[in-house]
Amino acid sequence: MQKLSIIRFKPKPECFDEFVSNITEFNETKHRVFHLMKSGDELHAIVIRDASILEQDASDGVKWLDGQRQLLQEFDADNKHTIPLSGDLLYSSV
């Protein structure tokens, strides 16, 4: 089974390009499908990976994010710097 995750980020305007560079570089080392979309002042990371690596991959992502938080605005007190959503991938034409 494959999992699809969408993670929303809101970089500080002055840090936008730096964060895009950092997240792109981080994801070049991973063995999964990664897309990055800009929508207004937000970035949406879209990731497709095997269910068997989801837990470890998510843990690695949180560790990486700890070093990036200074580049991001918080969404709110509950979500902090990201709004994540993950689930089973039911269909893909790729």
Protein backbone atom coordinates (compact mmCIF):
# COMPACT_ATOMS: atom_id res chain seq x y z
CA MET A 1 0.00 0.00 0.00
CA GLN A 2 1.19 3.50 -0.78
CA LYS A 3 0.56 6.55 1.36
CA LEU A 4 0.03 10.11 0.18
CA SER A 5 0.89 13.03 2.43
CA ILE A 6 0.26 16.72 1.93
CA ILE A 7 2.09 19.05 4.31
CA ARG A 8 1.35 22.76 4.31
CA PHE A 9 4.08 25.27 5.19
CA LYS A 10 3.99 29.06 5.37
CA PRO A 11 7.54 30.40 4.99
CA LYS A 12 8.31 33.89 6.24
CA PRO A 13 8.38 36.10 3.12
CA GLU A 14 12.07 36.93 3.53
CA CYS A 15 12.90 33.21 3.97
CA PHE A 16 10.77 31.80 1.14
CA ASP A 17 13.57 31.00 -1.33
CA GLU A 18 15.84 29.61 1.39
CA PHE A 19 13.11 27.25 2.63
CA VAL A 20 12.31 26.08 -0.92
CA SER A 21 15.99 25.32 -1.46
CA ASN A 22 16.27 23.49 1.89
CA ILE A 23 13.16 21.34 1.47
CA THR A 24 14.12 20.46 -2.11
CA GLU A 25 17.63 19.46 -1.05
CA PHE A 26 16.30 17.39 1.87
CA ASN A 27 13.92 15.48 -0.38
CA GLU A 28 16.52 14.72 -3.07
CA THR A 29 18.01 12.12 -0.72
CA LYS A 30 14.74 10.24 -0.19
CA HIS A 31 13.47 7.27 -2.20
CA ARG A 32 9.93 8.44 -2.84
CA VAL A 33 7.89 10.73 -5.07
CA PHE A 34 8.02 14.38 -3.98
CA HIS A 35 6.28 17.44 -5.42
CA LEU A 36 6.32 21.01 -4.12
CA MET A 37 3.46 23.37 -4.95
CA LYS A 38 3.15 27.10 -4.26
CA SER A 39 -0.32 28.42 -3.44
CA GLY A 40 -0.39 32.07 -2.45
CA ASP A 41 2.08 32.49 0.40
CA GLU A 42 2.02 28.78 1.28
CA LEU A 43 3.95 25.76 0.10
CA HIS A 44 2.38 22.32 -0.14
CA ALA A 45 4.70 19.33 -0.09
CA ILE A 46 3.06 16.30 -1.72
CA VAL A 47 4.75 12.98 -0.96
CA ILE A 48 3.96 9.45 -2.14
CA ARG A 49 5.75 6.60 -0.39
CA ASP A 50 5.35 2.98 0.58
CA ALA A 51 3.45 2.45 3.81
CA SER A 52 6.41 0.49 5.17
CA ILE A 53 8.56 3.66 5.35
CA LEU A 54 5.89 6.18 6.39
CA GLU A 55 6.64 6.14 10.11
CA GLN A 56 10.44 6.43 9.76
CA ASP A 57 10.15 8.95 6.93
CA ALA A 58 7.77 11.13 8.95
CA SER A 59 10.10 10.95 11.95
CA ASP A 60 13.06 12.02 9.78
CA GLY A 61 10.96 14.89 8.43
CA VAL A 62 10.09 16.17 11.90
CA LYS A 63 13.77 16.07 12.91
CA TRP A 64 14.65 18.03 9.76
CA LEU A 65 11.84 20.49 10.41
CA ASP A 66 13.24 21.27 13.87
CA GLY A 67 16.12 23.01 12.09
CA GLN A 68 13.79 24.92 9.74
CA ARG A 69 11.17 26.38 12.09
CA GLN A 70 12.90 29.78 12.22
CA LEU A 71 12.12 30.13 8.48
CA LEU A 72 8.39 29.47 8.93
CA GLN A 73 5.37 31.32 10.25
CA GLU A 74 3.06 29.47 12.61
CA PHE A 75 -0.42 28.73 11.30
CA ASP A 76 -1.94 28.74 14.80
CA ALA A 77 -1.28 27.46 18.34
CA ASP A 78 -2.51 23.94 17.54
CA ASN A 79 -0.82 23.32 14.19
CA LYS A 80 2.31 25.39 14.77
CA HIS A 81 4.51 25.38 11.62
CA THR A 82 2.80 22.69 9.52
CA ILE A 83 -0.62 21.35 8.67
CA PRO A 84 -0.13 17.69 7.70
CA LEU A 85 -2.57 15.27 6.11
CA SER A 86 -1.80 11.63 5.23
CA GLY A 87 -3.85 8.73 3.95
CA ASP A 88 -3.99 5.70 1.69
CA LEU A 89 -3.36 6.40 -1.97
CA LEU A 90 -6.29 4.87 -3.82
CA TYR A 91 -5.41 5.87 -7.38
CA SER A 92 -2.50 7.38 -9.27
CA SER A 93 -1.96 7.66 -13.02
CA VAL A 94 1.81 7.91 -12.53
